[in-house]
Protein backbone atom coordinates (compact mmCIF):
# COMPACT_ATOMS: atom_id res chain seq x y z
CA MET A 1 14.22 47.39 34.25
CA LEU A 2 15.84 44.05 35.08
CA ARG A 3 12.47 42.67 36.13
CA ILE A 4 10.95 43.70 32.79
CA TRP A 5 13.73 41.92 30.88
CA GLN A 6 13.37 38.91 33.13
CA LYS A 7 9.65 38.74 32.36
CA ARG A 8 10.36 38.99 28.64
CA ILE A 9 12.90 36.19 28.86
CA ASP A 10 10.43 34.05 30.83
CA ILE A 11 7.77 34.66 28.17
CA ILE A 12 10.18 33.71 25.37
CA VAL A 13 11.14 30.52 27.24
CA LEU A 14 7.48 29.61 27.74
CA ILE A 15 6.72 30.22 24.05
CA ARG A 16 9.61 27.99 23.00
CA MET A 17 8.53 25.30 25.45
CA ARG A 18 5.01 25.44 24.04
CA GLU A 19 6.34 25.14 20.49
CA LYS A 20 8.35 22.07 21.49
CA VAL A 21 5.33 20.50 23.18
CA GLU A 22 3.19 21.17 20.09
CA LYS A 23 5.89 19.65 17.89
CA TYR A 24 5.99 16.46 19.96
CA LEU A 25 2.19 16.28 20.05
CA VAL A 26 2.14 16.37 16.25
CA ILE A 27 4.66 13.52 16.17
CA ILE A 28 2.57 11.49 18.62
CA MET A 29 -0.67 12.14 16.72
CA ASN A 30 1.01 11.12 13.46
CA LYS A 31 2.33 7.88 14.90
CA ASP A 32 2.39 4.89 12.59
CA GLN A 33 -0.63 2.83 13.71
CA SER A 34 0.14 -0.21 11.55
CA THR A 35 0.29 -3.77 12.82
CA VAL A 36 2.46 -6.60 11.48
CA ILE A 37 0.81 -9.62 9.83
CA ALA A 38 2.19 -12.68 8.05
CA ASN A 39 0.81 -11.89 4.57
CA ARG A 40 -1.62 -9.67 2.71
CA TRP A 41 -4.13 -12.43 1.93
CA GLN A 42 -5.10 -12.51 5.62
CA VAL A 43 -6.66 -9.08 5.14
CA ILE A 44 -7.64 -9.11 1.47
CA ARG A 45 -9.61 -12.34 1.71
CA SER A 46 -12.11 -11.01 4.25
CA ILE A 47 -12.49 -7.74 2.32
CA CYS A 48 -13.18 -9.47 -1.03
CA GLU A 49 -15.41 -12.27 0.21
CA ASN A 50 -18.74 -12.24 -1.67
CA LYS A 51 -17.95 -8.79 -3.10
CA LYS A 52 -17.77 -7.31 -6.58
CA VAL A 53 -14.04 -6.68 -7.07
CA LEU A 54 -11.84 -4.76 -9.50
CA ASP A 55 -8.24 -6.02 -9.50
CA ILE A 56 -5.68 -3.60 -10.98
CA GLY A 57 -2.40 -4.80 -12.49
CA CYS A 58 -3.52 -8.36 -11.89
CA VAL A 59 -1.40 -10.34 -14.37
CA ASP A 60 1.77 -10.07 -12.27
CA HIS A 61 4.25 -9.98 -15.17
CA THR A 62 3.56 -13.31 -16.90
CA VAL A 63 0.85 -15.89 -17.61
CA ASN A 64 3.02 -18.49 -15.83
CA THR A 65 2.05 -16.85 -12.53
CA GLU A 66 -1.37 -18.48 -12.95
CA GLY A 67 0.19 -21.75 -11.86
CA ASN A 68 1.31 -20.20 -8.58
CA TYR A 69 -0.97 -20.99 -5.64
CA TYR A 70 -0.26 -17.52 -4.23
CA TRP A 71 -1.27 -15.55 -7.35
CA LEU A 72 -3.45 -12.83 -5.87
CA HIS A 73 -5.97 -12.60 -8.74
CA LYS A 74 -6.70 -16.33 -8.54
CA GLN A 75 -7.11 -16.07 -4.78
CA ILE A 76 -9.55 -13.17 -5.16
CA LYS A 77 -11.50 -15.09 -7.81
CA SER A 78 -11.93 -17.97 -5.36
CA VAL A 79 -13.80 -15.86 -2.77
CA ALA A 80 -15.35 -12.85 -4.59
CA SER A 81 -18.86 -12.90 -6.05
CA SER A 82 -17.27 -11.47 -9.21
CA VAL A 83 -13.89 -10.04 -10.20
CA ILE A 84 -12.65 -8.09 -13.20
CA GLY A 85 -8.94 -7.66 -13.76
CA VAL A 86 -7.21 -4.81 -15.59
CA ASP A 87 -3.71 -4.93 -17.07
CA ILE A 88 -1.63 -3.68 -20.01
CA LEU A 89 -0.04 -7.04 -20.93
CA GLU A 90 -2.28 -7.81 -23.90
CA GLU A 91 -0.87 -11.20 -24.93
CA GLU A 92 -0.84 -12.47 -21.34
CA ILE A 93 -4.45 -11.35 -20.92
CA LYS A 94 -5.56 -13.32 -23.99
CA LYS A 95 -3.97 -16.47 -22.61
CA LEU A 96 -5.46 -16.02 -19.16
CA ASN A 97 -8.94 -15.29 -20.49
CA GLN A 98 -8.80 -18.66 -22.28
CA LYS A 99 -8.56 -20.14 -18.79
CA GLU A 100 -11.87 -18.56 -17.73
CA TYR A 101 -10.52 -15.37 -16.21
CA ASN A 102 -12.14 -12.00 -16.93
CA ILE A 103 -9.29 -9.57 -17.52
CA ILE A 104 -9.56 -6.38 -19.57
CA TYR A 105 -6.74 -4.80 -21.52
CA GLY A 106 -6.44 -1.15 -20.51
CA ASP A 107 -4.58 1.62 -18.73
CA ALA A 108 -5.75 1.88 -15.12
CA LEU A 109 -5.18 5.65 -15.20
CA LYS A 110 -7.60 6.15 -18.11
CA ILE A 111 -9.94 3.18 -18.27
CA ASP A 112 -13.67 3.79 -17.81
CA LEU A 113 -15.61 0.62 -17.07
CA LYS A 114 -18.87 2.55 -16.54
CA GLU A 115 -19.62 0.66 -13.34
CA GLN A 116 -18.65 0.78 -9.68
CA PHE A 117 -17.23 -1.89 -7.41
CA ASP A 118 -17.41 -2.89 -3.75
CA VAL A 119 -13.65 -3.37 -3.65
CA VAL A 120 -10.70 -2.16 -5.73
CA ILE A 121 -7.39 -3.98 -5.26
CA ALA A 122 -4.08 -2.42 -6.32
CA GLY A 123 -1.53 -5.04 -5.28
CA GLU A 124 2.11 -4.04 -5.84
CA PHE A 125 0.97 -1.58 -8.50
CA ILE A 126 1.30 2.01 -7.35
CA GLU A 127 5.11 1.93 -7.31
CA HIS A 128 5.06 1.23 -11.08
CA ILE A 129 3.20 4.36 -12.21
CA SER A 130 4.23 8.00 -12.52
CA ASP A 131 0.80 9.66 -12.20
CA ARG A 132 -0.38 8.31 -8.85
CA GLY A 133 -2.92 11.11 -8.31
CA ILE A 134 -4.62 10.44 -11.65
CA PHE A 135 -4.77 6.73 -10.84
CA LEU A 136 -6.33 7.31 -7.41
CA SER A 137 -8.88 9.72 -8.90
CA ASN A 138 -9.90 7.10 -11.44
CA MET A 139 -10.23 4.43 -8.77
CA TYR A 140 -12.32 6.85 -6.70
CA LYS A 141 -14.71 7.05 -9.65
CA HIS A 142 -14.92 3.24 -9.95
CA LEU A 143 -15.50 2.68 -6.22
CA LYS A 144 -18.93 2.68 -4.57
CA ASP A 145 -19.47 5.32 -1.89
CA ASP A 146 -19.15 2.67 0.84
CA GLY A 147 -16.48 0.73 -1.05
CA THR A 148 -12.93 -0.22 -0.08
CA LEU A 149 -9.65 0.43 -1.83
CA VAL A 150 -6.69 -1.81 -0.91
CA ILE A 151 -3.14 -0.78 -1.79
CA THR A 152 -0.03 -2.85 -1.19
CA THR A 153 3.49 -1.71 -2.02
CA PRO A 154 7.12 -2.36 -1.04
CA ASN A 155 8.17 -0.68 2.19
CA MET A 156 11.20 1.56 1.71
CA PHE A 157 12.44 0.96 5.27
CA ALA A 158 12.28 -2.84 5.08
CA PHE A 159 15.19 -4.61 6.76
CA ARG A 160 16.23 -6.23 3.49
CA TYR A 161 16.68 -2.81 1.86
CA GLN A 162 18.53 -1.41 4.85
CA LEU A 163 20.90 -4.38 4.77
CA ARG A 164 21.48 -4.14 1.01
CA ASN A 165 22.22 -0.45 1.31
CA LEU A 166 24.67 -1.10 4.14
CA ILE A 167 26.52 -3.79 2.18
CA PHE A 168 26.27 -2.62 -1.43
CA GLY A 169 25.61 1.11 -1.08
CA ASN A 170 22.22 0.84 -2.80
CA VAL A 171 19.07 -1.27 -2.56
CA ILE A 172 19.15 -2.76 -6.11
CA PRO A 173 15.57 -1.71 -6.89
CA ASN A 174 13.17 -3.31 -9.35
CA GLN A 175 13.86 -1.54 -12.65
CA GLU A 176 10.11 -1.11 -13.27
CA HIS A 177 9.58 0.85 -10.04
CA VAL A 178 9.51 4.64 -10.15
CA CYS A 179 9.06 5.50 -6.46
CA TRP A 180 9.39 4.31 -2.86
CA TYR A 181 6.86 4.62 -0.03
CA ASP A 182 6.78 4.44 3.71
CA TYR A 183 3.70 4.66 5.93
CA PHE A 184 3.69 8.46 6.06
CA THR A 185 4.30 9.25 2.38
CA LEU A 186 1.69 6.72 1.23
CA ARG A 187 -0.85 8.07 3.72
CA GLU A 188 -0.18 11.63 2.55
CA LEU A 189 -0.65 10.61 -1.09
CA CYS A 190 -3.96 8.89 -0.35
CA GLU A 191 -5.31 11.73 1.81
CA ARG A 192 -4.45 14.31 -0.87
CA ASN A 193 -6.60 12.28 -3.26
CA ASN A 194 -9.71 12.03 -1.06
CA PHE A 195 -9.09 8.68 0.61
CA LYS A 196 -8.76 8.01 4.33
CA VAL A 197 -6.77 5.19 5.89
CA VAL A 198 -9.06 2.83 7.81
CA LYS A 199 -6.42 0.21 8.64
CA SER A 200 -2.75 -0.28 7.83
CA PHE A 201 -0.43 -3.25 8.04
CA TYR A 202 3.13 -4.36 7.44
CA HIS A 203 3.37 -7.80 5.90
CA PHE A 204 5.54 -10.43 4.23
CA GLU A 205 5.13 -12.19 0.88
CA GLN A 206 3.01 -15.33 1.12
CA ASP A 207 5.73 -17.55 -0.28
CA THR A 208 8.49 -16.30 2.07
CA PRO A 209 10.47 -19.34 3.30
CA TRP A 210 10.65 -19.77 7.06
CA TYR A 211 14.39 -19.10 7.24
CA LYS A 212 13.82 -15.64 5.75
CA TYR A 213 10.51 -14.94 7.49
CA TRP A 214 11.31 -15.63 11.14
CA PRO A 215 14.55 -13.63 11.56
CA VAL A 216 12.89 -10.50 10.19
CA ARG A 217 9.63 -11.27 12.00
CA PHE A 218 11.54 -11.17 15.30
CA LEU A 219 13.12 -7.86 14.28
CA THR A 220 9.67 -6.36 13.71
CA PHE A 221 9.07 -6.56 17.46
CA LEU A 222 11.74 -3.85 17.69
CA ARG A 223 10.92 -1.98 14.47
CA LYS A 224 7.68 -3.00 12.81
CA ASN A 225 8.63 -1.16 9.63
CA TYR A 226 11.38 -3.73 9.00
CA ALA A 227 8.72 -5.89 7.31
CA PRO A 228 9.01 -5.80 3.51
CA ARG A 229 5.52 -4.67 2.47
CA ILE A 230 2.88 -2.07 3.38
CA LEU A 231 -0.89 -2.59 3.07
CA PHE A 232 -3.48 0.18 3.33
CA VAL A 233 -7.23 -0.34 3.64
CA LEU A 234 -8.87 2.88 2.43
CA GLU A 235 -12.30 4.42 2.11
CA LYS A 236 -13.59 7.53 0.37
CA ASN A 237 -13.09 10.64 2.48
């Protein structure tokens, strides 16, 4: 009788050990594969070069951004074979189009341009919208079968946010943002909407001064997700 109970206990122990092993294997398989880079333009430039590009939310708040060397839409325009921008800031669009940009007024969740693109860029955009699934479905429709979608967004675990939370008890978010992402939640969102992650990066803003860049850059050798931004390179699944 004791031997029978001993066997049952051994079986239970083995089952629990197997469950733990399976749990750790899932964690290992789901490991964040991102690398840290200085800025997003390092990646976006090569993706957009000589390609037909759709740039979502391109105005970046105000027409005055056009004078900034690091304005992403201007950078894309300098290397792409063609680029169309989409934004909801109608007056800013009119002013920019007078400067030989091609930006369309429209809602990225609903707009139908009746054409497809090699590349769709959504730079610092997805955190501003409530219906992320609808947006991704619409971009899927506007992307060629072999096309590339690029998403960049603030990283919720960035060192700056951790520090602000430690000191102030909150992260003082941008009032126009409606959500936060880390590597895993953004990947899950994209996979649920028929995109697969080809590459992923953590990065800094292009205009980050050296005295802010290097201290955090050193910290990313310990925790790469201390960098302030996430970039995903995606393809249709």
